[in-house]
Amino acid sequence: MASVLEMKELLAAQQEHAAKLTEKALQAIEATTSVGNLFLTILGIELAALAAIGVTAIYVGARRQAVKVAETRIKAYIASAEGTLVVRAAISDEITLQLERRSFDDVLPPAHEETETAKFPKDPKEEAGK
């Protein structure tokens, strides 16, 4: 049978061994957590990039589709009887407006700006006689 002193030494050695194993286990957990966090960070960045690409693709596609639908509807409206009347009325109004502007512009005399170069020089004889 072992003495009390030998048992104490054996227990102290086992306790030191358990402390070393615990430290190694904690280091392994920390390393695993760090690798997991790195992986999740990279995954999050990739998902954000894919989401940005997806949103951009949806926006561009929706805009193109909206333009196509709008053009189709406008062409259909213009081809209808009501649309033709509206376009003709708009053209008639614009022509009338342009003619009114043009005739108004023609009635007004051109604006003259008096500059030093536009004036006739004074007669030197008149200035000498004064």
C-alpha atoms as a PDB file:
ATOM      1  CA  MET A   1       0.000   0.000   0.000  1.00  0.00           C
ATOM      2  CA  ALA A   2       1.167   3.486  -0.827  1.00  0.00           C
ATOM      3  CA  SER A   3       1.836   6.003   1.812  1.00  0.00           C
ATOM      4  CA  VAL A   4      -0.044   9.258   2.163  1.00  0.00           C
ATOM      5  CA  LEU A   5       2.888  11.221   0.745  1.00  0.00           C
ATOM      6  CA  GLU A   6       3.041   9.039  -2.350  1.00  0.00           C
ATOM      7  CA  MET A   7      -0.730   9.420  -2.813  1.00  0.00           C
ATOM      8  CA  LYS A   8      -0.438  13.203  -2.533  1.00  0.00           C
ATOM      9  CA  GLU A   9       2.326  13.285  -5.139  1.00  0.00           C
ATOM     10  CA  LEU A  10       0.312  11.020  -7.432  1.00  0.00           C
ATOM     11  CA  LEU A  11      -2.765  13.216  -7.054  1.00  0.00           C
ATOM     12  CA  ALA A  12      -0.720  16.385  -7.683  1.00  0.00           C
ATOM     13  CA  ALA A  13       0.756  14.820 -10.844  1.00  0.00           C
ATOM     14  CA  GLN A  14      -2.696  13.787 -12.069  1.00  0.00           C
ATOM     15  CA  GLN A  15      -4.074  17.241 -11.295  1.00  0.00           C
ATOM     16  CA  GLU A  16      -1.229  18.867 -13.290  1.00  0.00           C
ATOM     17  CA  HIS A  17      -1.866  16.456 -16.164  1.00  0.00           C
ATOM     18  CA  ALA A  18      -5.610  17.280 -16.057  1.00  0.00           C
ATOM     19  CA  ALA A  19      -4.827  21.025 -16.089  1.00  0.00           C
ATOM     20  CA  LYS A  20      -2.612  20.587 -19.179  1.00  0.00           C
ATOM     21  CA  LEU A  21      -5.315  18.550 -20.923  1.00  0.00           C
ATOM     22  CA  THR A  22      -7.907  21.190 -20.036  1.00  0.00           C
ATOM     23  CA  GLU A  23      -5.694  23.927 -21.455  1.00  0.00           C
ATOM     24  CA  LYS A  24      -5.199  21.960 -24.680  1.00  0.00           C
ATOM     25  CA  ALA A  25      -8.952  21.376 -24.915  1.00  0.00           C
ATOM     26  CA  LEU A  26      -9.637  25.096 -24.444  1.00  0.00           C
ATOM     27  CA  GLN A  27      -7.066  25.944 -27.125  1.00  0.00           C
ATOM     28  CA  ALA A  28      -8.702  23.465 -29.497  1.00  0.00           C
ATOM     29  CA  ILE A  29     -12.130  24.987 -28.793  1.00  0.00           C
ATOM     30  CA  GLU A  30     -10.732  28.489 -29.385  1.00  0.00           C
ATOM     31  CA  ALA A  31      -9.103  27.432 -32.668  1.00  0.00           C
ATOM     32  CA  THR A  32     -12.302  25.731 -33.839  1.00  0.00           C
ATOM     33  CA  THR A  33     -14.355  28.800 -32.929  1.00  0.00           C
ATOM     34  CA  SER A  34     -11.925  31.087 -34.762  1.00  0.00           C
ATOM     35  CA  VAL A  35     -12.032  28.942 -37.902  1.00  0.00           C
ATOM     36  CA  GLY A  36     -15.830  28.796 -37.683  1.00  0.00           C
ATOM     37  CA  ASN A  37     -16.085  32.576 -37.303  1.00  0.00           C
ATOM     38  CA  LEU A  38     -13.759  33.089 -40.267  1.00  0.00           C
ATOM     39  CA  PHE A  39     -15.810  30.684 -42.370  1.00  0.00           C
ATOM     40  CA  LEU A  40     -19.078  32.382 -41.391  1.00  0.00           C
ATOM     41  CA  THR A  41     -17.606  35.813 -42.150  1.00  0.00           C
ATOM     42  CA  ILE A  42     -16.500  34.709 -45.615  1.00  0.00           C
ATOM     43  CA  LEU A  43     -19.873  33.064 -46.202  1.00  0.00           C
ATOM     44  CA  GLY A  44     -21.680  36.248 -45.111  1.00  0.00           C
ATOM     45  CA  ILE A  45     -19.602  38.404 -47.468  1.00  0.00           C
ATOM     46  CA  GLU A  46     -20.266  36.027 -50.369  1.00  0.00           C
ATOM     47  CA  LEU A  47     -23.995  36.002 -49.625  1.00  0.00           C
ATOM     48  CA  ALA A  48     -24.041  39.816 -49.461  1.00  0.00           C
ATOM     49  CA  ALA A  49     -22.272  40.016 -52.830  1.00  0.00           C
ATOM     50  CA  LEU A  50     -24.714  37.539 -54.357  1.00  0.00           C
ATOM     51  CA  ALA A  51     -27.640  39.472 -52.901  1.00  0.00           C
ATOM     52  CA  ALA A  52     -26.309  42.736 -54.376  1.00  0.00           C
ATOM     53  CA  ILE A  53     -25.910  41.075 -57.782  1.00  0.00           C
ATOM     54  CA  GLY A  54     -29.403  39.613 -57.512  1.00  0.00           C
ATOM     55  CA  VAL A  55     -30.990  42.929 -56.557  1.00  0.00           C
ATOM     56  CA  THR A  56     -29.206  44.652 -59.431  1.00  0.00           C
ATOM     57  CA  ALA A  57     -30.332  41.973 -61.886  1.00  0.00           C
ATOM     58  CA  ILE A  58     -33.925  42.206 -60.684  1.00  0.00           C
ATOM     59  CA  TYR A  59     -33.868  46.019 -60.876  1.00  0.00           C
ATOM     60  CA  VAL A  60     -32.437  46.047 -64.413  1.00  0.00           C
ATOM     61  CA  GLY A  61     -34.815  43.322 -65.590  1.00  0.00           C
ATOM     62  CA  ALA A  62     -37.845  45.012 -64.071  1.00  0.00           C
ATOM     63  CA  ARG A  63     -36.869  48.349 -65.594  1.00  0.00           C
ATOM     64  CA  ARG A  64     -36.463  46.805 -69.059  1.00  0.00           C
ATOM     65  CA  GLN A  65     -39.782  45.026 -68.749  1.00  0.00           C
ATOM     66  CA  ALA A  66     -41.507  48.213 -67.581  1.00  0.00           C
ATOM     67  CA  VAL A  67     -40.132  50.127 -70.572  1.00  0.00           C
ATOM     68  CA  LYS A  68     -41.330  47.402 -72.956  1.00  0.00           C
ATOM     69  CA  VAL A  69     -44.812  47.351 -71.441  1.00  0.00           C
ATOM     70  CA  ALA A  70     -45.030  51.159 -71.456  1.00  0.00           C
ATOM     71  CA  GLU A  71     -43.947  51.358 -75.095  1.00  0.00           C
ATOM     72  CA  THR A  72     -46.447  48.659 -76.071  1.00  0.00           C
ATOM     73  CA  ARG A  73     -49.272  50.440 -74.253  1.00  0.00           C
ATOM     74  CA  ILE A  74     -48.363  53.832 -75.717  1.00  0.00           C
ATOM     75  CA  LYS A  75     -48.193  52.417 -79.252  1.00  0.00           C
ATOM     76  CA  ALA A  76     -51.553  50.720 -78.754  1.00  0.00           C
ATOM     77  CA  TYR A  77     -53.075  53.958 -77.430  1.00  0.00           C
ATOM     78  CA  ILE A  78     -51.700  56.023 -80.307  1.00  0.00           C
ATOM     79  CA  ALA A  79     -52.998  53.455 -82.806  1.00  0.00           C
ATOM     80  CA  SER A  80     -56.503  53.735 -81.334  1.00  0.00           C
ATOM     81  CA  ALA A  81     -58.985  56.337 -82.559  1.00  0.00           C
ATOM     82  CA  GLU A  82     -58.881  58.313 -79.326  1.00  0.00           C
ATOM     83  CA  GLY A  83     -55.082  58.377 -79.323  1.00  0.00           C
ATOM     84  CA  THR A  84     -54.964  59.520 -82.928  1.00  0.00           C
ATOM     85  CA  LEU A  85     -57.287  62.425 -82.123  1.00  0.00           C
ATOM     86  CA  VAL A  86     -55.195  63.434 -79.110  1.00  0.00           C
ATOM     87  CA  VAL A  87     -51.956  63.331 -81.124  1.00  0.00           C
ATOM     88  CA  ARG A  88     -53.501  65.350 -83.959  1.00  0.00           C
ATOM     89  CA  ALA A  89     -54.819  67.940 -81.495  1.00  0.00           C
ATOM     90  CA  ALA A  90     -51.397  68.194 -79.841  1.00  0.00           C
ATOM     91  CA  ILE A  91     -49.673  68.637 -83.201  1.00  0.00           C
ATOM     92  CA  SER A  92     -52.213  71.274 -84.260  1.00  0.00           C
ATOM     93  CA  ASP A  93     -51.756  73.175 -80.998  1.00  0.00           C
ATOM     94  CA  GLU A  94     -47.978  73.055 -81.329  1.00  0.00           C
ATOM     95  CA  ILE A  95     -48.072  74.294 -84.930  1.00  0.00           C
ATOM     96  CA  THR A  96     -50.392  77.131 -83.938  1.00  0.00           C
ATOM     97  CA  LEU A  97     -48.124  78.063 -81.044  1.00  0.00           C
ATOM     98  CA  GLN A  98     -45.031  77.999 -83.257  1.00  0.00           C
ATOM     99  CA  LEU A  99     -46.717  80.190 -85.854  1.00  0.00           C
ATOM    100  CA  GLU A 100     -47.822  82.671 -83.187  1.00  0.00           C
ATOM    101  CA  ARG A 101     -44.323  82.876 -81.804  1.00  0.00           C
ATOM    102  CA  ARG A 102     -42.793  83.261 -85.224  1.00  0.00           C
ATOM    103  CA  SER A 103     -45.164  86.041 -86.288  1.00  0.00           C
ATOM    104  CA  PHE A 104     -44.672  87.803 -82.962  1.00  0.00           C
ATOM    105  CA  ASP A 105     -40.913  87.601 -83.348  1.00  0.00           C
ATOM    106  CA  ASP A 106     -41.128  88.972 -86.879  1.00  0.00           C
ATOM    107  CA  VAL A 107     -43.167  92.006 -85.797  1.00  0.00           C
ATOM    108  CA  LEU A 108     -40.663  93.095 -83.169  1.00  0.00           C
ATOM    109  CA  PRO A 109     -37.768  95.189 -84.479  1.00  0.00           C
ATOM    110  CA  PRO A 110     -34.351  93.767 -83.867  1.00  0.00           C
ATOM    111  CA  ALA A 111     -32.739  94.957 -80.689  1.00  0.00           C
ATOM    112  CA  HIS A 112     -29.724  97.217 -81.206  1.00  0.00           C
ATOM    113  CA  GLU A 113     -26.991  97.536 -78.715  1.00  0.00           C
ATOM    114  CA  GLU A 114     -24.977 100.689 -78.824  1.00  0.00           C
ATOM    115  CA  THR A 115     -21.349  99.981 -78.415  1.00  0.00           C
ATOM    116  CA  GLU A 116     -18.327 102.153 -78.922  1.00  0.00           C
ATOM    117  CA  THR A 117     -17.555 100.466 -82.236  1.00  0.00           C
ATOM    118  CA  ALA A 118     -21.104 100.871 -83.525  1.00  0.00           C
ATOM    119  CA  LYS A 119     -21.142 104.704 -83.122  1.00  0.00           C
ATOM    120  CA  PHE A 120     -19.868 106.990 -85.821  1.00  0.00           C
ATOM    121  CA  PRO A 121     -16.762 108.892 -84.821  1.00  0.00           C
ATOM    122  CA  LYS A 122     -17.223 112.608 -84.128  1.00  0.00           C
ATOM    123  CA  ASP A 123     -16.047 115.085 -86.701  1.00  0.00           C
ATOM    124  CA  PRO A 124     -12.671 116.468 -85.644  1.00  0.00           C
ATOM    125  CA  LYS A 125     -13.598 119.883 -87.165  1.00  0.00           C
ATOM    126  CA  GLU A 126     -16.604 120.200 -84.840  1.00  0.00           C
ATOM    127  CA  GLU A 127     -14.485 119.462 -81.816  1.00  0.00           C
ATOM    128  CA  ALA A 128     -11.787 121.968 -82.920  1.00  0.00           C
ATOM    129  CA  GLY A 129     -14.324 124.758 -83.485  1.00  0.00           C
ATOM    130  CA  LYS A 130     -15.655 124.572 -79.963  1.00  0.00           C
END
